[in-house]
Amino acid sequence: MYDPAVTEPAPTRYRCTACGNLTRFDVTTTRRTRSFHHYSVGGDLEVEETEVLSEDVEAVECRWCGPGAAVVELEPDETAGAAAAD
C-alpha cells in the first residue's frame, strides 16, 4: 500500500560495469523506521506516518548478469545523465 506520509531517503542510482545495466537491480537493505499506528475503535490498524531513521544497503546485484562486485553507485551528476538516457 502506498503511503504518501512515508519519509524515504533520496533514491540511489546504480550501474553495472560488466553489462551496462542502469535499470534492474536486486537491492538488499535493512531499515529502521518509526511509525504512527492509529487503531480504530473496531481494532483496524492504519499506519499514518512512517519515518525512515536509518537504512543500510547490504548488497546490490545486477538482475541481468548477477555479479554484485560489478555494480557501482552513480554520483549525482551522473544520475542526471543516466535519467536522460533511460
PDB file of N, CA and C in Angstrom:
ATOM      1  N   MET A   1       0.844  -1.185   0.000  1.00  0.00           N
ATOM      2  CA  MET A   1       0.000   0.000   0.000  1.00  0.00           C
ATOM      3  C   MET A   1       0.888   1.246   0.000  1.00  0.00           C
ATOM      4  N   TYR A   2       0.598   2.173  -0.904  1.00  0.00           N
ATOM      5  CA  TYR A   2       1.359   3.428  -0.981  1.00  0.00           C
ATOM      6  C   TYR A   2       0.932   4.352   0.143  1.00  0.00           C
ATOM      7  N   ASP A   3       1.892   4.897   0.848  1.00  0.00           N
ATOM      8  CA  ASP A   3       1.609   5.832   1.940  1.00  0.00           C
ATOM      9  C   ASP A   3       2.372   7.122   1.661  1.00  0.00           C
ATOM     10  N   PRO A   4       1.675   8.218   1.291  1.00  0.00           N
ATOM     11  CA  PRO A   4       2.371   9.471   0.978  1.00  0.00           C
ATOM     12  C   PRO A   4       3.087  10.076   2.177  1.00  0.00           C
ATOM     13  N   ALA A   5       2.790   9.602   3.381  1.00  0.00           N
ATOM     14  CA  ALA A   5       3.449  10.142   4.574  1.00  0.00           C
ATOM     15  C   ALA A   5       4.795   9.471   4.840  1.00  0.00           C
ATOM     16  N   VAL A   6       5.143   8.440   4.044  1.00  0.00           N
ATOM     17  CA  VAL A   6       6.408   7.748   4.254  1.00  0.00           C
ATOM     18  C   VAL A   6       7.554   8.665   3.868  1.00  0.00           C
ATOM     19  N   THR A   7       8.513   8.816   4.770  1.00  0.00           N
ATOM     20  CA  THR A   7       9.680   9.641   4.506  1.00  0.00           C
ATOM     21  C   THR A   7      10.782   8.739   3.980  1.00  0.00           C
ATOM     22  N   GLU A   8      11.048   8.818   2.691  1.00  0.00           N
ATOM     23  CA  GLU A   8      12.044   7.970   2.052  1.00  0.00           C
ATOM     24  C   GLU A   8      13.326   8.760   1.806  1.00  0.00           C
ATOM     25  N   PRO A   9      14.474   8.101   1.950  1.00  0.00           N
ATOM     26  CA  PRO A   9      15.717   8.761   1.574  1.00  0.00           C
ATOM     27  C   PRO A   9      15.770   8.941   0.056  1.00  0.00           C
ATOM     28  N   ALA A  10      16.629   9.840  -0.402  1.00  0.00           N
ATOM     29  CA  ALA A  10      16.768  10.070  -1.836  1.00  0.00           C
ATOM     30  C   ALA A  10      17.174   8.762  -2.526  1.00  0.00           C
ATOM     31  N   PRO A  11      16.567   8.462  -3.682  1.00  0.00           N
ATOM     32  CA  PRO A  11      16.896   7.215  -4.365  1.00  0.00           C
ATOM     33  C   PRO A  11      18.338   7.207  -4.868  1.00  0.00           C
ATOM     34  N   THR A  12      18.943   6.048  -4.835  1.00  0.00           N
ATOM     35  CA  THR A  12      20.303   5.863  -5.318  1.00  0.00           C
ATOM     36  C   THR A  12      20.231   5.165  -6.669  1.00  0.00           C
ATOM     37  N   ARG A  13      20.973   5.670  -7.642  1.00  0.00           N
ATOM     38  CA  ARG A  13      21.041   5.030  -8.960  1.00  0.00           C
ATOM     39  C   ARG A  13      22.310   4.192  -9.027  1.00  0.00           C
ATOM     40  N   TYR A  14      22.208   3.075  -9.744  1.00  0.00           N
ATOM     41  CA  TYR A  14      23.327   2.153  -9.884  1.00  0.00           C
ATOM     42  C   TYR A  14      23.602   1.902 -11.358  1.00  0.00           C
ATOM     43  N   ARG A  15      24.826   1.417 -11.638  1.00  0.00           N
ATOM     44  CA  ARG A  15      25.217   0.998 -12.985  1.00  0.00           C
ATOM     45  C   ARG A  15      26.074  -0.247 -12.847  1.00  0.00           C
ATOM     46  N   CYS A  16      25.811  -1.236 -13.696  1.00  0.00           N
ATOM     47  CA  CYS A  16      26.630  -2.445 -13.719  1.00  0.00           C
ATOM     48  C   CYS A  16      27.773  -2.221 -14.697  1.00  0.00           C
ATOM     49  N   THR A  17      29.007  -2.320 -14.208  1.00  0.00           N
ATOM     50  CA  THR A  17      30.159  -2.096 -15.079  1.00  0.00           C
ATOM     51  C   THR A  17      30.430  -3.299 -15.969  1.00  0.00           C
ATOM     52  N   ALA A  18      29.823  -4.435 -15.684  1.00  0.00           N
ATOM     53  CA  ALA A  18      30.027  -5.629 -16.513  1.00  0.00           C
ATOM     54  C   ALA A  18      29.163  -5.595 -17.772  1.00  0.00           C
ATOM     55  N   CYS A  19      27.866  -5.232 -17.629  1.00  0.00           N
ATOM     56  CA  CYS A  19      26.962  -5.290 -18.783  1.00  0.00           C
ATOM     57  C   CYS A  19      26.345  -3.941 -19.157  1.00  0.00           C
ATOM     58  N   GLY A  20      26.528  -2.898 -18.338  1.00  0.00           N
ATOM     59  CA  GLY A  20      25.995  -1.580 -18.642  1.00  0.00           C
ATOM     60  C   GLY A  20      24.576  -1.332 -18.150  1.00  0.00           C
ATOM     61  N   ASN A  21      23.976  -2.297 -17.472  1.00  0.00           N
ATOM     62  CA  ASN A  21      22.617  -2.171 -16.954  1.00  0.00           C
ATOM     63  C   ASN A  21      22.480  -0.931 -16.065  1.00  0.00           C
ATOM     64  N   LEU A  22      21.413  -0.155 -16.296  1.00  0.00           N
ATOM     65  CA  LEU A  22      21.104   1.016 -15.470  1.00  0.00           C
ATOM     66  C   LEU A  22      19.740   0.903 -14.795  1.00  0.00           C
ATOM     67  N   THR A  23      18.996  -0.179 -15.062  1.00  0.00           N
ATOM     68  CA  THR A  23      17.594  -0.192 -14.667  1.00  0.00           C
ATOM     69  C   THR A  23      17.132  -1.336 -13.786  1.00  0.00           C
ATOM     70  N   ARG A  24      17.846  -2.454 -13.703  1.00  0.00           N
ATOM     71  CA  ARG A  24      17.345  -3.621 -12.978  1.00  0.00           C
ATOM     72  C   ARG A  24      18.382  -4.135 -11.986  1.00  0.00           C
ATOM     73  N   PHE A  25      18.075  -3.988 -10.677  1.00  0.00           N
ATOM     74  CA  PHE A  25      18.993  -4.436  -9.632  1.00  0.00           C
ATOM     75  C   PHE A  25      18.218  -5.063  -8.484  1.00  0.00           C
ATOM     76  N   ASP A  26      18.802  -6.063  -7.858  1.00  0.00           N
ATOM     77  CA  ASP A  26      18.287  -6.625  -6.614  1.00  0.00           C
ATOM     78  C   ASP A  26      19.048  -5.942  -5.490  1.00  0.00           C
ATOM     79  N   VAL A  27      18.351  -5.143  -4.675  1.00  0.00           N
ATOM     80  CA  VAL A  27      18.976  -4.384  -3.597  1.00  0.00           C
ATOM     81  C   VAL A  27      18.465  -4.929  -2.268  1.00  0.00           C
ATOM     82  N   THR A  28      19.393  -5.400  -1.434  1.00  0.00           N
ATOM     83  CA  THR A  28      19.057  -5.915  -0.108  1.00  0.00           C
ATOM     84  C   THR A  28      19.393  -4.839   0.913  1.00  0.00           C
ATOM     85  N   THR A  29      18.374  -4.411   1.692  1.00  0.00           N
ATOM     86  CA  THR A  29      18.574  -3.349   2.674  1.00  0.00           C
ATOM     87  C   THR A  29      18.017  -3.746   4.032  1.00  0.00           C
ATOM     88  N   THR A  30      18.534  -3.095   5.048  1.00  0.00           N
ATOM     89  CA  THR A  30      17.984  -3.185   6.395  1.00  0.00           C
ATOM     90  C   THR A  30      17.548  -1.781   6.773  1.00  0.00           C
ATOM     91  N   ARG A  31      16.283  -1.632   7.169  1.00  0.00           N
ATOM     92  CA  ARG A  31      15.752  -0.320   7.534  1.00  0.00           C
ATOM     93  C   ARG A  31      15.293  -0.305   8.983  1.00  0.00           C
ATOM     94  N   ARG A  32      15.516   0.821   9.610  1.00  0.00           N
ATOM     95  CA  ARG A  32      14.995   1.085  10.952  1.00  0.00           C
ATOM     96  C   ARG A  32      14.015   2.236  10.797  1.00  0.00           C
ATOM     97  N   THR A  33      12.762   2.027  11.193  1.00  0.00           N
ATOM     98  CA  THR A  33      11.723   3.029  10.986  1.00  0.00           C
ATOM     99  C   THR A  33      10.981   3.350  12.280  1.00  0.00           C
ATOM    100  N   ARG A  34      10.314   4.493  12.267  1.00  0.00           N
ATOM    101  CA  ARG A  34       9.394   4.871  13.346  1.00  0.00           C
ATOM    102  C   ARG A  34       8.061   5.155  12.661  1.00  0.00           C
ATOM    103  N   SER A  35       6.982   4.536  13.173  1.00  0.00           N
ATOM    104  CA  SER A  35       5.666   4.664  12.554  1.00  0.00           C
ATOM    105  C   SER A  35       4.619   5.075  13.569  1.00  0.00           C
ATOM    106  N   PHE A  36       3.633   5.852  13.092  1.00  0.00           N
ATOM    107  CA  PHE A  36       2.484   6.212  13.913  1.00  0.00           C
ATOM    108  C   PHE A  36       1.363   5.247  13.572  1.00  0.00           C
ATOM    109  N   HIS A  37       0.979   4.414  14.529  1.00  0.00           N
ATOM    110  CA  HIS A  37      -0.085   3.437  14.332  1.00  0.00           C
ATOM    111  C   HIS A  37      -1.376   3.994  14.910  1.00  0.00           C
ATOM    112  N   HIS A  38      -2.423   4.035  14.092  1.00  0.00           N
ATOM    113  CA  HIS A  38      -3.728   4.545  14.502  1.00  0.00           C
ATOM    114  C   HIS A  38      -4.722   3.384  14.411  1.00  0.00           C
ATOM    115  N   TYR A  39      -5.218   2.979  15.554  1.00  0.00           N
ATOM    116  CA  TYR A  39      -6.194   1.899  15.615  1.00  0.00           C
ATOM    117  C   TYR A  39      -7.599   2.486  15.723  1.00  0.00           C
ATOM    118  N   SER A  40      -8.532   1.929  14.943  1.00  0.00           N
ATOM    119  CA  SER A  40      -9.927   2.347  15.056  1.00  0.00           C
ATOM    120  C   SER A  40     -10.530   1.705  16.304  1.00  0.00           C
ATOM    121  N   VAL A  41     -11.712   2.153  16.675  1.00  0.00           N
ATOM    122  CA  VAL A  41     -12.407   1.584  17.823  1.00  0.00           C
ATOM    123  C   VAL A  41     -12.651   0.086  17.589  1.00  0.00           C
ATOM    124  N   GLY A  42     -12.826  -0.291  16.316  1.00  0.00           N
ATOM    125  CA  GLY A  42     -13.052  -1.698  15.974  1.00  0.00           C
ATOM    126  C   GLY A  42     -11.775  -2.519  15.914  1.00  0.00           C
ATOM    127  N   GLY A  43     -10.615  -1.872  16.111  1.00  0.00           N
ATOM    128  CA  GLY A  43      -9.346  -2.595  16.132  1.00  0.00           C
ATOM    129  C   GLY A  43      -8.598  -2.634  14.814  1.00  0.00           C
ATOM    130  N   ASP A  44      -9.122  -1.948  13.784  1.00  0.00           N
ATOM    131  CA  ASP A  44      -8.425  -1.921  12.496  1.00  0.00           C
ATOM    132  C   ASP A  44      -7.245  -0.964  12.573  1.00  0.00           C
ATOM    133  N   LEU A  45      -6.111  -1.395  12.044  1.00  0.00           N
ATOM    134  CA  LEU A  45      -4.881  -0.600  12.076  1.00  0.00           C
ATOM    135  C   LEU A  45      -4.705   0.183  10.794  1.00  0.00           C
ATOM    136  N   GLU A  46      -4.349   1.453  10.935  1.00  0.00           N
ATOM    137  CA  GLU A  46      -3.923   2.269   9.806  1.00  0.00           C
ATOM    138  C   GLU A  46      -2.612   2.934  10.201  1.00  0.00           C
ATOM    139  N   VAL A  47      -1.562   2.682   9.427  1.00  0.00           N
ATOM    140  CA  VAL A  47      -0.267   3.317   9.676  1.00  0.00           C
ATOM    141  C   VAL A  47      -0.293   4.640   8.932  1.00  0.00           C
ATOM    142  N   GLU A  48      -0.307   5.742   9.701  1.00  0.00           N
ATOM    143  CA  GLU A  48      -0.483   7.060   9.097  1.00  0.00           C
ATOM    144  C   GLU A  48       0.826   7.756   8.754  1.00  0.00           C
ATOM    145  N   GLU A  49       1.875   7.494   9.468  1.00  0.00           N
ATOM    146  CA  GLU A  49       3.169   8.124   9.186  1.00  0.00           C
ATOM    147  C   GLU A  49       4.268   7.105   9.420  1.00  0.00           C
ATOM    148  N   THR A  50       5.212   7.067   8.505  1.00  0.00           N
ATOM    149  CA  THR A  50       6.392   6.227   8.675  1.00  0.00           C
ATOM    150  C   THR A  50       7.611   7.062   8.338  1.00  0.00           C
ATOM    151  N   GLU A  51       8.575   7.077   9.234  1.00  0.00           N
ATOM    152  CA  GLU A  51       9.815   7.819   9.036  1.00  0.00           C
ATOM    153  C   GLU A  51      10.968   6.823   9.014  1.00  0.00           C
ATOM    154  N   VAL A  52      11.801   6.890   7.981  1.00  0.00           N
ATOM    155  CA  VAL A  52      12.978   6.031   7.897  1.00  0.00           C
ATOM    156  C   VAL A  52      14.081   6.679   8.729  1.00  0.00           C
ATOM    157  N   LEU A  53      14.480   6.002   9.812  1.00  0.00           N
ATOM    158  CA  LEU A  53      15.514   6.532  10.700  1.00  0.00           C
ATOM    159  C   LEU A  53      16.912   6.199  10.205  1.00  0.00           C
ATOM    160  N   SER A  54      17.071   5.001   9.661  1.00  0.00           N
ATOM    161  CA  SER A  54      18.345   4.615   9.070  1.00  0.00           C
ATOM    162  C   SER A  54      18.103   3.517   8.052  1.00  0.00           C
ATOM    163  N   GLU A  55      19.010   3.439   7.101  1.00  0.00           N
ATOM    164  CA  GLU A  55      18.909   2.415   6.065  1.00  0.00           C
ATOM    165  C   GLU A  55      20.316   1.994   5.690  1.00  0.00           C
ATOM    166  N   ASP A  56      20.569   0.701   5.735  1.00  0.00           N
ATOM    167  CA  ASP A  56      21.864   0.151   5.356  1.00  0.00           C
ATOM    168  C   ASP A  56      21.682  -0.746   4.142  1.00  0.00           C
ATOM    169  N   VAL A  57      22.393  -0.439   3.058  1.00  0.00           N
ATOM    170  CA  VAL A  57      22.366  -1.277   1.869  1.00  0.00           C
ATOM    171  C   VAL A  57      23.381  -2.388   2.086  1.00  0.00           C
ATOM    172  N   GLU A  58      22.898  -3.617   2.128  1.00  0.00           N
ATOM    173  CA  GLU A  58      23.759  -4.766   2.378  1.00  0.00           C
ATOM    174  C   GLU A  58      24.367  -5.329   1.102  1.00  0.00           C
ATOM    175  N   ALA A  59      23.576  -5.342   0.023  1.00  0.00           N
ATOM    176  CA  ALA A  59      24.069  -5.915  -1.232  1.00  0.00           C
ATOM    177  C   ALA A  59      23.290  -5.332  -2.408  1.00  0.00           C
ATOM    178  N   VAL A  60      23.976  -5.183  -3.545  1.00  0.00           N
ATOM    179  CA  VAL A  60      23.344  -4.774  -4.794  1.00  0.00           C
ATOM    180  C   VAL A  60      23.858  -5.716  -5.873  1.00  0.00           C
ATOM    181  N   GLU A  61      22.910  -6.395  -6.548  1.00  0.00           N
ATOM    182  CA  GLU A  61      23.293  -7.319  -7.614  1.00  0.00           C
ATOM    183  C   GLU A  61      22.565  -6.948  -8.895  1.00  0.00           C
ATOM    184  N   CYS A  62      23.272  -7.048 -10.005  1.00  0.00           N
ATOM    185  CA  CYS A  62      22.687  -6.787 -11.313  1.00  0.00           C
ATOM    186  C   CYS A  62      21.680  -7.902 -11.625  1.00  0.00           C
ATOM    187  N   ARG A  63      20.489  -7.533 -12.032  1.00  0.00           N
ATOM    188  CA  ARG A  63      19.458  -8.515 -12.361  1.00  0.00           C
ATOM    189  C   ARG A  63      19.792  -9.232 -13.674  1.00  0.00           C
ATOM    190  N   TRP A  64      20.566  -8.601 -14.543  1.00  0.00           N
ATOM    191  CA  TRP A  64      20.868  -9.195 -15.836  1.00  0.00           C
ATOM    192  C   TRP A  64      22.043 -10.163 -15.767  1.00  0.00           C
ATOM    193  N   CYS A  65      23.158  -9.763 -15.128  1.00  0.00           N
ATOM    194  CA  CYS A  65      24.343 -10.628 -15.155  1.00  0.00           C
ATOM    195  C   CYS A  65      24.783 -11.110 -13.776  1.00  0.00           C
ATOM    196  N   GLY A  66      24.222 -10.571 -12.695  1.00  0.00           N
ATOM    197  CA  GLY A  66      24.415 -11.123 -11.367  1.00  0.00           C
ATOM    198  C   GLY A  66      25.543 -10.648 -10.482  1.00  0.00           C
ATOM    199  N   PRO A  67      26.734 -10.380 -10.968  1.00  0.00           N
ATOM    200  CA  PRO A  67      27.834 -10.131 -10.033  1.00  0.00           C
ATOM    201  C   PRO A  67      27.696  -8.794  -9.304  1.00  0.00           C
ATOM    202  N   GLY A  68      27.533  -8.854  -7.995  1.00  0.00           N
ATOM    203  CA  GLY A  68      27.390  -7.644  -7.197  1.00  0.00           C
ATOM    204  C   GLY A  68      28.638  -6.786  -7.187  1.00  0.00           C
ATOM    205  N   ALA A  69      29.803  -7.392  -7.401  1.00  0.00           N
ATOM    206  CA  ALA A  69      31.058  -6.639  -7.375  1.00  0.00           C
ATOM    207  C   ALA A  69      31.179  -5.700  -8.575  1.00  0.00           C
ATOM    208  N   ALA A  70      30.396  -5.917  -9.631  1.00  0.00           N
ATOM    209  CA  ALA A  70      30.488  -5.091 -10.828  1.00  0.00           C
ATOM    210  C   ALA A  70      29.534  -3.901 -10.779  1.00  0.00           C
ATOM    211  N   VAL A  71      28.725  -3.785  -9.726  1.00  0.00           N
ATOM    212  CA  VAL A  71      27.743  -2.704  -9.615  1.00  0.00           C
ATOM    213  C   VAL A  71      28.361  -1.534  -8.869  1.00  0.00           C
ATOM    214  N   VAL A  72      28.212  -0.333  -9.463  1.00  0.00           N
ATOM    215  CA  VAL A  72      28.720   0.879  -8.816  1.00  0.00           C
ATOM    216  C   VAL A  72      27.565   1.851  -8.616  1.00  0.00           C
ATOM    217  N   GLU A  73      27.692   2.679  -7.592  1.00  0.00           N
ATOM    218  CA  GLU A  73      26.702   3.714  -7.305  1.00  0.00           C
ATOM    219  C   GLU A  73      27.044   4.927  -8.163  1.00  0.00           C
ATOM    220  N   LEU A  74      26.043   5.503  -8.826  1.00  0.00           N
ATOM    221  CA  LEU A  74      26.270   6.683  -9.657  1.00  0.00           C
ATOM    222  C   LEU A  74      26.326   7.931  -8.790  1.00  0.00           C
ATOM    223  N   GLU A  75      27.179   8.846  -9.146  1.00  0.00           N
ATOM    224  CA  GLU A  75      27.280  10.147  -8.486  1.00  0.00           C
ATOM    225  C   GLU A  75      26.082  11.000  -8.934  1.00  0.00           C
ATOM    226  N   PRO A  76      25.697  12.013  -8.142  1.00  0.00           N
ATOM    227  CA  PRO A  76      24.537  12.840  -8.510  1.00  0.00           C
ATOM    228  C   PRO A  76      24.634  13.451  -9.914  1.00  0.00           C
ATOM    229  N   ASP A  77      25.816  13.882 -10.353  1.00  0.00           N
ATOM    230  CA  ASP A  77      25.927  14.452 -11.691  1.00  0.00           C
ATOM    231  C   ASP A  77      25.770  13.396 -12.770  1.00  0.00           C
ATOM    232  N   GLU A  78      26.161  12.138 -12.496  1.00  0.00           N
ATOM    233  CA  GLU A  78      25.965  11.034 -13.429  1.00  0.00           C
ATOM    234  C   GLU A  78      24.498  10.616 -13.469  1.00  0.00           C
ATOM    235  N   THR A  79      23.791  10.785 -12.357  1.00  0.00           N
ATOM    236  CA  THR A  79      22.402  10.387 -12.260  1.00  0.00           C
ATOM    237  C   THR A  79      21.550  11.168 -13.245  1.00  0.00           C
ATOM    238  N   ALA A  80      21.798  12.450 -13.404  1.00  0.00           N
ATOM    239  CA  ALA A  80      21.034  13.266 -14.344  1.00  0.00           C
ATOM    240  C   ALA A  80      21.224  12.766 -15.769  1.00  0.00           C
ATOM    241  N   GLY A  81      22.451  12.410 -16.129  1.00  0.00           N
ATOM    242  CA  GLY A  81      22.719  11.876 -17.469  1.00  0.00           C
ATOM    243  C   GLY A  81      22.099  10.516 -17.672  1.00  0.00           C
ATOM    244  N   ALA A  82      22.118   9.676 -16.628  1.00  0.00           N
ATOM    245  CA  ALA A  82      21.543   8.340 -16.723  1.00  0.00           C
ATOM    246  C   ALA A  82      20.029   8.415 -16.869  1.00  0.00           C
ATOM    247  N   ALA A  83      19.380   9.353 -16.185  1.00  0.00           N
ATOM    248  CA  ALA A  83      17.945   9.510 -16.273  1.00  0.00           C
ATOM    249  C   ALA A  83      17.543   9.950 -17.691  1.00  0.00           C
ATOM    250  N   ALA A  84      18.349  10.793 -18.302  1.00  0.00           N
ATOM    251  CA  ALA A  84      18.072  11.254 -19.666  1.00  0.00           C
ATOM    252  C   ALA A  84      18.247  10.115 -20.666  1.00  0.00           C
ATOM    253  N   ALA A  85      19.157   9.175 -20.369  1.00  0.00           N
ATOM    254  CA  ALA A  85      19.421   8.056 -21.271  1.00  0.00           C
ATOM    255  C   ALA A  85      18.350   6.993 -21.188  1.00  0.00           C
ATOM    256  N   ASP A  86      17.592   6.926 -20.074  1.00  0.00           N
ATOM    257  CA  ASP A  86      16.567   5.877 -19.893  1.00  0.00           C
ATOM    258  C   ASP A  86      15.449   6.032 -20.845  1.00  0.00           C
TER     259      ASP A  86
END
